[in-house]
Amino acid sequence: MAYVDWRIHGPEIANCNCDWGCPCQFNALPTHGNCRAMTAMRIDEGHFGELDLSGARWCGMFAWPKAIHQGQGEAFVVIDPRASEQQRQAILTILSGQETEPGATIFNVFAATLVKMHDPVFAPIEFEVDIERRRGHVRIKDIVDTSVEPIRNPVTGNEHRARVSLPQGFEYREAEYASGETQAKGAVKLGWSGTHAHLAMLDLSTRGAA
């Protein structure tokens, strides 16, 4: 089957309700028996067919009542309004797992576990990240506020660094692990602090992660 050729490359901030490290990253069950997460990306370089996607930003909020692979999840996506109507539709197509080889990306895999996709919202996304320093934030007024900082030693308070490599990962191949806090009051409500976060340079395409 022929798919539209697409690619998105740029930094990602992700924060979920699991303990640092996130068991899902190692094919284990989630810390609390359910999975709730947010992820956001700034597309520094990208295209969908001949359409340029560079400069676009998106953020997704997700909730599953049990482990992700057990399904019954819901998703809510926000796209920065600086994206044109064509760019918005292209990003929504990618995030819904379409025009992708089966199982090649996190979007395609997650799509099969979702039963509800809330209507997307187009609102300004504040996105700042320093992957090397393990710091970043994502803010969308009246919807979500996420902050990420280094994991700290509980005795000394010193920054602790953990970098994880997943050679066959369908989201990233390498990420810096950190600690995050998220409060979301949009269609998918989220709330936690001091939980798993990761920062990565995503390079995803029709055929998977690079």
Protein backbone atom coordinates (compact mmCIF):
# COMPACT_ATOMS: atom_id res chain seq x y z
CA MET A 1 0.00 0.00 0.00
CA ALA A 2 1.27 3.46 -0.90
CA TYR A 3 1.26 6.11 1.82
CA VAL A 4 1.76 9.85 1.70
CA ASP A 5 5.42 10.58 2.40
CA TRP A 6 5.70 12.64 5.58
CA ARG A 7 8.29 13.51 8.21
CA ILE A 8 8.34 15.54 11.44
CA HIS A 9 11.60 16.41 13.19
CA GLY A 10 11.98 18.47 16.36
CA PRO A 11 12.00 18.46 20.17
CA GLU A 12 9.39 16.68 22.27
CA ILE A 13 8.32 17.11 25.90
CA ALA A 14 6.35 14.25 27.45
CA ASN A 15 5.05 13.80 31.00
CA CYS A 16 2.92 10.99 32.39
CA ASN A 17 1.51 9.85 35.74
CA CYS A 18 4.01 6.99 36.20
CA ASP A 19 7.03 7.00 38.50
CA TRP A 20 10.36 8.17 37.06
CA GLY A 21 11.46 5.84 34.29
CA CYS A 22 7.90 4.89 33.29
CA PRO A 23 7.40 1.11 33.17
CA CYS A 24 5.74 1.45 29.74
CA GLN A 25 9.15 2.29 28.30
CA PHE A 26 10.25 -1.23 29.26
CA ASN A 27 7.12 -3.21 28.27
CA ALA A 28 5.90 -3.32 31.88
CA LEU A 29 2.55 -2.29 33.37
CA PRO A 30 1.98 1.34 34.42
CA THR A 31 2.81 2.38 37.97
CA HIS A 32 -0.78 3.05 39.05
CA GLY A 33 -2.55 0.59 36.78
CA ASN A 34 -3.73 3.31 34.40
CA CYS A 35 -2.00 5.65 31.98
CA ARG A 36 -2.51 9.39 31.69
CA ALA A 37 -0.09 11.53 29.73
CA MET A 38 0.65 14.66 27.80
CA THR A 39 3.12 15.16 25.01
CA ALA A 40 4.00 18.16 22.90
CA MET A 41 6.27 18.85 19.98
CA ARG A 42 7.71 21.73 18.01
CA ILE A 43 8.22 20.71 14.40
CA ASP A 44 11.49 22.31 13.35
CA GLU A 45 11.55 20.50 10.02
CA GLY A 46 8.75 18.57 8.40
CA HIS A 47 6.54 17.91 5.45
CA PHE A 48 3.39 16.06 4.47
CA GLY A 49 3.73 15.27 0.81
CA GLU A 50 4.76 18.61 -0.66
CA LEU A 51 3.28 20.61 2.23
CA ASP A 52 5.86 22.21 4.53
CA LEU A 53 5.13 21.64 8.25
CA SER A 54 8.14 23.51 9.65
CA GLY A 55 7.32 25.73 12.60
CA ALA A 56 4.09 24.01 13.60
CA ARG A 57 3.41 23.04 17.23
CA TRP A 58 1.03 20.50 18.70
CA CYS A 59 0.15 19.07 22.09
CA GLY A 60 -1.78 15.91 22.97
CA MET A 61 -3.44 14.83 26.20
CA PHE A 62 -4.32 11.17 26.70
CA ALA A 63 -6.01 8.90 29.23
CA TRP A 64 -6.43 5.13 29.43
CA PRO A 65 -8.32 3.42 32.31
CA LYS A 66 -5.79 0.57 32.40
CA ALA A 67 -2.56 -0.18 30.54
CA ILE A 68 -2.41 1.39 27.08
CA HIS A 69 -2.56 -1.93 25.24
CA GLN A 70 -5.86 -2.72 26.99
CA GLY A 71 -7.50 0.12 25.13
CA GLN A 72 -10.55 2.27 25.91
CA GLY A 73 -8.44 5.41 25.75
CA GLU A 74 -9.31 8.98 24.88
CA ALA A 75 -7.27 11.75 23.28
CA PHE A 76 -7.43 15.52 22.95
CA VAL A 77 -5.18 17.46 20.57
CA VAL A 78 -4.33 21.16 20.44
CA ILE A 79 -2.56 22.72 17.45
CA ASP A 80 -1.05 26.18 17.48
CA PRO A 81 -3.20 28.45 15.25
CA ARG A 82 -0.15 29.71 13.39
CA ALA A 83 -0.50 26.52 11.35
CA SER A 84 -2.54 26.92 8.19
CA GLU A 85 -5.71 24.91 7.62
CA GLN A 86 -3.78 22.52 5.37
CA GLN A 87 -1.04 22.10 7.97
CA ARG A 88 -3.62 21.46 10.70
CA GLN A 89 -5.27 18.71 8.71
CA ALA A 90 -1.91 17.15 7.87
CA ILE A 91 -0.85 17.11 11.54
CA LEU A 92 -4.17 15.63 12.63
CA THR A 93 -3.77 12.93 9.97
CA ILE A 94 -0.29 12.06 11.27
CA LEU A 95 -1.33 12.11 14.95
CA SER A 96 -4.29 9.83 14.24
CA GLY A 97 -1.92 7.22 12.84
CA GLN A 98 -3.00 7.52 9.23
CA GLU A 99 -0.68 7.45 6.22
CA THR A 100 1.77 5.37 8.26
CA GLU A 101 3.12 1.86 7.88
CA PRO A 102 1.39 -0.41 10.45
CA GLY A 103 3.08 -0.25 13.86
CA ALA A 104 5.77 2.14 12.63
CA THR A 105 5.07 5.09 14.95
CA ILE A 106 3.64 5.74 18.38
CA PHE A 107 0.71 7.51 16.72
CA ASN A 108 -0.22 4.49 14.63
CA VAL A 109 0.10 2.12 17.59
CA PHE A 110 -1.88 4.32 19.98
CA ALA A 111 -4.67 4.91 17.44
CA ALA A 112 -5.82 1.31 17.82
CA THR A 113 -6.18 1.79 21.60
CA LEU A 114 -8.40 4.89 21.48
CA VAL A 115 -12.18 4.88 21.55
CA LYS A 116 -12.71 8.64 21.80
CA MET A 117 -11.04 11.50 19.96
CA HIS A 118 -12.22 14.83 21.30
CA ASP A 119 -12.63 17.64 18.80
CA PRO A 120 -9.29 19.39 18.29
CA VAL A 121 -8.70 22.92 19.57
CA PHE A 122 -6.55 25.56 17.92
CA ALA A 123 -4.86 27.73 20.53
CA PRO A 124 -1.43 29.33 21.06
CA ILE A 125 1.13 26.89 22.46
CA GLU A 126 4.03 28.16 24.56
CA PHE A 127 6.86 25.65 24.12
CA GLU A 128 10.35 25.96 25.56
CA VAL A 129 12.87 23.14 25.99
CA ASP A 130 16.55 22.53 26.73
CA ILE A 131 17.09 18.80 26.29
CA GLU A 132 20.69 18.86 27.54
CA ARG A 133 19.65 20.53 30.81
CA ARG A 134 16.46 18.44 31.10
CA ARG A 135 14.25 21.47 31.42
CA GLY A 136 11.19 22.64 29.58
CA HIS A 137 7.62 23.80 29.73
CA VAL A 138 4.43 23.68 27.70
CA ARG A 139 1.59 26.09 28.39
CA ILE A 140 -1.75 26.52 26.68
CA LYS A 141 -3.96 29.07 28.40
CA ASP A 142 -6.91 27.51 30.25
CA ILE A 143 -5.97 24.03 28.95
CA VAL A 144 -2.61 22.66 30.14
CA ASP A 145 0.51 23.68 32.02
CA THR A 146 3.49 21.29 32.09
CA SER A 147 6.93 21.94 33.58
CA VAL A 148 9.93 19.60 33.42
CA GLU A 149 13.14 19.67 35.45
CA PRO A 150 15.97 17.26 36.27
CA ILE A 151 15.40 14.33 38.63
CA ARG A 152 17.11 15.10 41.93
CA ASN A 153 18.87 12.93 44.49
CA PRO A 154 16.51 12.74 47.52
CA VAL A 155 19.40 13.08 49.98
CA THR A 156 21.72 15.66 48.42
CA GLY A 157 19.34 17.42 46.06
CA ASN A 158 21.90 17.09 43.28
CA GLU A 159 20.67 16.63 39.73
CA HIS A 160 20.53 13.01 38.60
CA ARG A 161 20.92 12.27 34.90
CA ALA A 162 19.45 9.26 33.10
CA ARG A 163 19.49 8.83 29.35
CA VAL A 164 17.68 5.89 27.75
CA SER A 165 18.29 4.39 24.33
CA LEU A 166 15.59 2.39 22.54
CA PRO A 167 17.14 1.20 19.25
CA GLN A 168 13.77 -0.10 18.02
CA GLY A 169 11.61 2.58 19.62
CA PHE A 170 8.54 3.81 17.74
CA GLU A 171 8.55 7.21 19.49
CA TYR A 172 12.21 8.08 20.01
CA ARG A 173 15.56 6.32 19.77
CA GLU A 174 17.16 8.22 22.67
CA ALA A 175 15.71 10.44 25.40
CA GLU A 176 16.76 12.31 28.51
CA TYR A 177 14.64 11.31 31.51
CA ALA A 178 13.40 13.96 33.90
CA SER A 179 10.74 14.87 36.46
CA GLY A 180 7.55 16.63 35.45
CA GLU A 181 4.41 18.32 36.68
CA THR A 182 1.21 18.68 34.66
CA GLN A 183 -2.15 20.30 35.29
CA ALA A 184 -4.71 20.03 32.49
CA LYS A 185 -8.35 21.08 32.56
CA GLY A 186 -9.34 20.67 28.95
CA ALA A 187 -11.30 17.78 27.46
CA VAL A 188 -8.85 15.33 29.08
CA LYS A 189 -8.15 16.36 32.66
CA LEU A 190 -4.71 15.61 34.13
CA GLY A 191 -2.97 16.40 37.39
CA TRP A 192 0.27 15.26 39.05
CA SER A 193 3.77 16.34 40.05
CA GLY A 194 7.15 14.65 40.47
CA THR A 195 6.44 11.99 37.85
CA HIS A 196 8.14 10.60 34.78
CA ALA A 197 9.04 12.95 31.95
CA HIS A 198 11.26 12.61 28.94
CA LEU A 199 12.78 15.01 26.45
CA ALA A 200 13.81 13.87 23.01
CA MET A 201 14.49 14.95 19.45
CA LEU A 202 11.83 13.16 17.47
CA ASP A 203 12.43 12.16 13.88
CA LEU A 204 9.31 10.34 12.73
CA SER A 205 8.10 9.52 9.26
CA THR A 206 5.79 7.31 7.25
CA ARG A 207 8.19 4.43 7.93
CA GLY A 208 8.88 5.01 11.63
CA ALA A 209 11.49 6.55 13.94
CA ALA A 210 14.99 7.46 12.78
